[in-house]
Amino acid sequence: MKTPPMVSPEAWEAARLEMLVKEKAFTRARDRLATERRRMPWMPVEKAYQFEGPKGKASLLDLFEGRRQLIVYRAFFEPGSPAGPTTPAAAAPSMGTSSRTSPI
């Protein structure tokens, strides 16, 4: 594997500042895209979905339990495999307290 060149502290600082400009431009572009995504039009859910949860059958509206938003993660497991975690590990820190989250 080819490694980057060894440079002086001054050259490294110049390269770091160039990279910082690119990183900030990328962040701004990503933020603009996220804003566009949030402003996309909505459409109604017309299908009567039914889910099976700890309390039995539930409709999509029932899953909200009075909340404004619902986060749904979908996982696939091989037949006979253990169920695994109920929340994806990468998303868990951003979900807040368990009082605001509950599995279906």
C-alpha atoms as a PDB file:
ATOM      1  CA  MET A   1       0.000   0.000   0.000  1.00  0.00           C
ATOM      2  CA  LYS A   2       1.319   3.412  -0.936  1.00  0.00           C
ATOM      3  CA  THR A   3       1.311   5.880   1.943  1.00  0.00           C
ATOM      4  CA  PRO A   4       1.036   9.673   1.720  1.00  0.00           C
ATOM      5  CA  PRO A   5       4.290  11.636   1.572  1.00  0.00           C
ATOM      6  CA  MET A   6       6.076  12.946   4.660  1.00  0.00           C
ATOM      7  CA  VAL A   7       6.015  16.757   4.692  1.00  0.00           C
ATOM      8  CA  SER A   8       7.018  19.685   6.854  1.00  0.00           C
ATOM      9  CA  PRO A   9       4.616  21.058   9.489  1.00  0.00           C
ATOM     10  CA  GLU A  10       3.970  24.064   7.231  1.00  0.00           C
ATOM     11  CA  ALA A  11       3.063  21.878   4.232  1.00  0.00           C
ATOM     12  CA  TRP A  12       0.859  19.705   6.454  1.00  0.00           C
ATOM     13  CA  GLU A  13      -0.970  22.797   7.776  1.00  0.00           C
ATOM     14  CA  ALA A  14      -1.521  24.077   4.227  1.00  0.00           C
ATOM     15  CA  ALA A  15      -2.916  20.679   3.168  1.00  0.00           C
ATOM     16  CA  ARG A  16      -5.146  20.611   6.260  1.00  0.00           C
ATOM     17  CA  LEU A  17      -6.562  24.057   5.444  1.00  0.00           C
ATOM     18  CA  GLU A  18      -7.262  22.983   1.843  1.00  0.00           C
ATOM     19  CA  MET A  19      -9.070  19.886   3.123  1.00  0.00           C
ATOM     20  CA  LEU A  20     -11.059  22.004   5.585  1.00  0.00           C
ATOM     21  CA  VAL A  21     -12.387  24.154   2.729  1.00  0.00           C
ATOM     22  CA  LYS A  22     -13.525  21.007   0.876  1.00  0.00           C
ATOM     23  CA  GLU A  23     -15.075  19.510   4.045  1.00  0.00           C
ATOM     24  CA  LYS A  24     -17.053  22.681   4.744  1.00  0.00           C
ATOM     25  CA  ALA A  25     -18.295  22.810   1.134  1.00  0.00           C
ATOM     26  CA  PHE A  26     -19.358  19.156   1.414  1.00  0.00           C
ATOM     27  CA  THR A  27     -21.168  19.823   4.709  1.00  0.00           C
ATOM     28  CA  ARG A  28     -23.040  22.796   3.230  1.00  0.00           C
ATOM     29  CA  ALA A  29     -24.032  20.774   0.153  1.00  0.00           C
ATOM     30  CA  ARG A  30     -25.229  17.887   2.367  1.00  0.00           C
ATOM     31  CA  ASP A  31     -27.237  20.345   4.499  1.00  0.00           C
ATOM     32  CA  ARG A  32     -28.877  21.826   1.370  1.00  0.00           C
ATOM     33  CA  LEU A  33     -29.800  18.341   0.179  1.00  0.00           C
ATOM     34  CA  ALA A  34     -31.272  17.471   3.593  1.00  0.00           C
ATOM     35  CA  THR A  35     -33.339  20.672   3.476  1.00  0.00           C
ATOM     36  CA  GLU A  36     -34.659  19.752   0.020  1.00  0.00           C
ATOM     37  CA  ARG A  37     -35.506  16.248   1.280  1.00  0.00           C
ATOM     38  CA  ARG A  38     -37.495  17.657   4.232  1.00  0.00           C
ATOM     39  CA  ARG A  39     -39.446  19.930   1.864  1.00  0.00           C
ATOM     40  CA  MET A  40     -40.496  17.130  -0.480  1.00  0.00           C
ATOM     41  CA  PRO A  41     -44.274  16.792  -0.828  1.00  0.00           C
ATOM     42  CA  TRP A  42     -46.135  14.281   1.307  1.00  0.00           C
ATOM     43  CA  MET A  43     -48.731  11.740   0.316  1.00  0.00           C
ATOM     44  CA  PRO A  44     -51.380  10.048   2.446  1.00  0.00           C
ATOM     45  CA  VAL A  45     -51.048   6.450   3.585  1.00  0.00           C
ATOM     46  CA  GLU A  46     -54.207   4.851   2.226  1.00  0.00           C
ATOM     47  CA  LYS A  47     -53.491   1.168   2.860  1.00  0.00           C
ATOM     48  CA  ALA A  48     -54.810  -0.296   6.130  1.00  0.00           C
ATOM     49  CA  TYR A  49     -51.556  -1.792   7.453  1.00  0.00           C
ATOM     50  CA  GLN A  50     -51.778  -4.282  10.332  1.00  0.00           C
ATOM     51  CA  PHE A  51     -48.835  -5.087  12.611  1.00  0.00           C
ATOM     52  CA  GLU A  52     -48.351  -7.745  15.270  1.00  0.00           C
ATOM     53  CA  GLY A  53     -46.864  -6.423  18.490  1.00  0.00           C
ATOM     54  CA  PRO A  54     -46.696  -7.262  22.194  1.00  0.00           C
ATOM     55  CA  LYS A  55     -50.273  -5.993  22.636  1.00  0.00           C
ATOM     56  CA  GLY A  56     -51.615  -7.918  19.634  1.00  0.00           C
ATOM     57  CA  LYS A  57     -52.688  -6.457  16.294  1.00  0.00           C
ATOM     58  CA  ALA A  58     -52.127  -2.737  15.750  1.00  0.00           C
ATOM     59  CA  SER A  59     -52.806  -0.318  12.904  1.00  0.00           C
ATOM     60  CA  LEU A  60     -50.213   2.141  11.651  1.00  0.00           C
ATOM     61  CA  LEU A  61     -51.972   4.945  13.541  1.00  0.00           C
ATOM     62  CA  ASP A  62     -51.972   2.835  16.733  1.00  0.00           C
ATOM     63  CA  LEU A  63     -48.168   2.597  16.567  1.00  0.00           C
ATOM     64  CA  PHE A  64     -47.853   6.376  16.982  1.00  0.00           C
ATOM     65  CA  GLU A  65     -49.517   6.213  20.432  1.00  0.00           C
ATOM     66  CA  GLY A  66     -50.253   9.955  20.259  1.00  0.00           C
ATOM     67  CA  ARG A  67     -46.746  10.926  19.095  1.00  0.00           C
ATOM     68  CA  ARG A  68     -46.087  13.205  16.119  1.00  0.00           C
ATOM     69  CA  GLN A  69     -43.393  11.009  14.572  1.00  0.00           C
ATOM     70  CA  LEU A  70     -42.773   7.306  14.215  1.00  0.00           C
ATOM     71  CA  ILE A  71     -39.407   5.757  13.387  1.00  0.00           C
ATOM     72  CA  VAL A  72     -39.595   2.320  11.820  1.00  0.00           C
ATOM     73  CA  TYR A  73     -36.568   0.082  11.298  1.00  0.00           C
ATOM     74  CA  ARG A  74     -36.829  -3.049   9.233  1.00  0.00           C
ATOM     75  CA  ALA A  75     -34.537  -6.006   9.830  1.00  0.00           C
ATOM     76  CA  PHE A  76     -34.327  -9.386   8.128  1.00  0.00           C
ATOM     77  CA  PHE A  77     -33.181 -12.548   9.848  1.00  0.00           C
ATOM     78  CA  GLU A  78     -32.501 -16.032   8.525  1.00  0.00           C
ATOM     79  CA  PRO A  79     -35.005 -18.678   9.676  1.00  0.00           C
ATOM     80  CA  GLY A  80     -33.859 -19.979  13.049  1.00  0.00           C
ATOM     81  CA  SER A  81     -31.436 -17.104  13.703  1.00  0.00           C
ATOM     82  CA  PRO A  82     -31.578 -15.242  17.023  1.00  0.00           C
ATOM     83  CA  ALA A  83     -33.775 -12.137  17.008  1.00  0.00           C
ATOM     84  CA  GLY A  84     -30.873  -9.773  17.673  1.00  0.00           C
ATOM     85  CA  PRO A  85     -31.137  -6.282  19.142  1.00  0.00           C
ATOM     86  CA  THR A  86     -34.468  -4.455  19.067  1.00  0.00           C
ATOM     87  CA  THR A  87     -32.797  -1.162  18.080  1.00  0.00           C
ATOM     88  CA  PRO A  88     -29.990  -0.698  15.543  1.00  0.00           C
ATOM     89  CA  ALA A  89     -26.878   0.172  17.569  1.00  0.00           C
ATOM     90  CA  ALA A  90     -25.869   3.085  15.343  1.00  0.00           C
ATOM     91  CA  ALA A  91     -29.246   4.784  15.748  1.00  0.00           C
ATOM     92  CA  ALA A  92     -29.723   4.151  19.460  1.00  0.00           C
ATOM     93  CA  PRO A  93     -27.871   7.251  20.783  1.00  0.00           C
ATOM     94  CA  SER A  94     -29.951   9.589  18.624  1.00  0.00           C
ATOM     95  CA  MET A  95     -33.301   8.171  19.750  1.00  0.00           C
ATOM     96  CA  GLY A  96     -33.373   9.657  23.242  1.00  0.00           C
ATOM     97  CA  THR A  97     -34.798   8.029  26.321  1.00  0.00           C
ATOM     98  CA  SER A  98     -36.774   4.816  26.339  1.00  0.00           C
ATOM     99  CA  SER A  99     -39.820   6.800  27.474  1.00  0.00           C
ATOM    100  CA  ARG A 100     -40.041   8.103  23.928  1.00  0.00           C
ATOM    101  CA  THR A 101     -39.303   4.815  22.204  1.00  0.00           C
ATOM    102  CA  SER A 102     -40.950   1.440  22.351  1.00  0.00           C
ATOM    103  CA  PRO A 103     -40.880  -1.680  20.188  1.00  0.00           C
ATOM    104  CA  ILE A 104     -44.118  -2.770  18.493  1.00  0.00           C
END
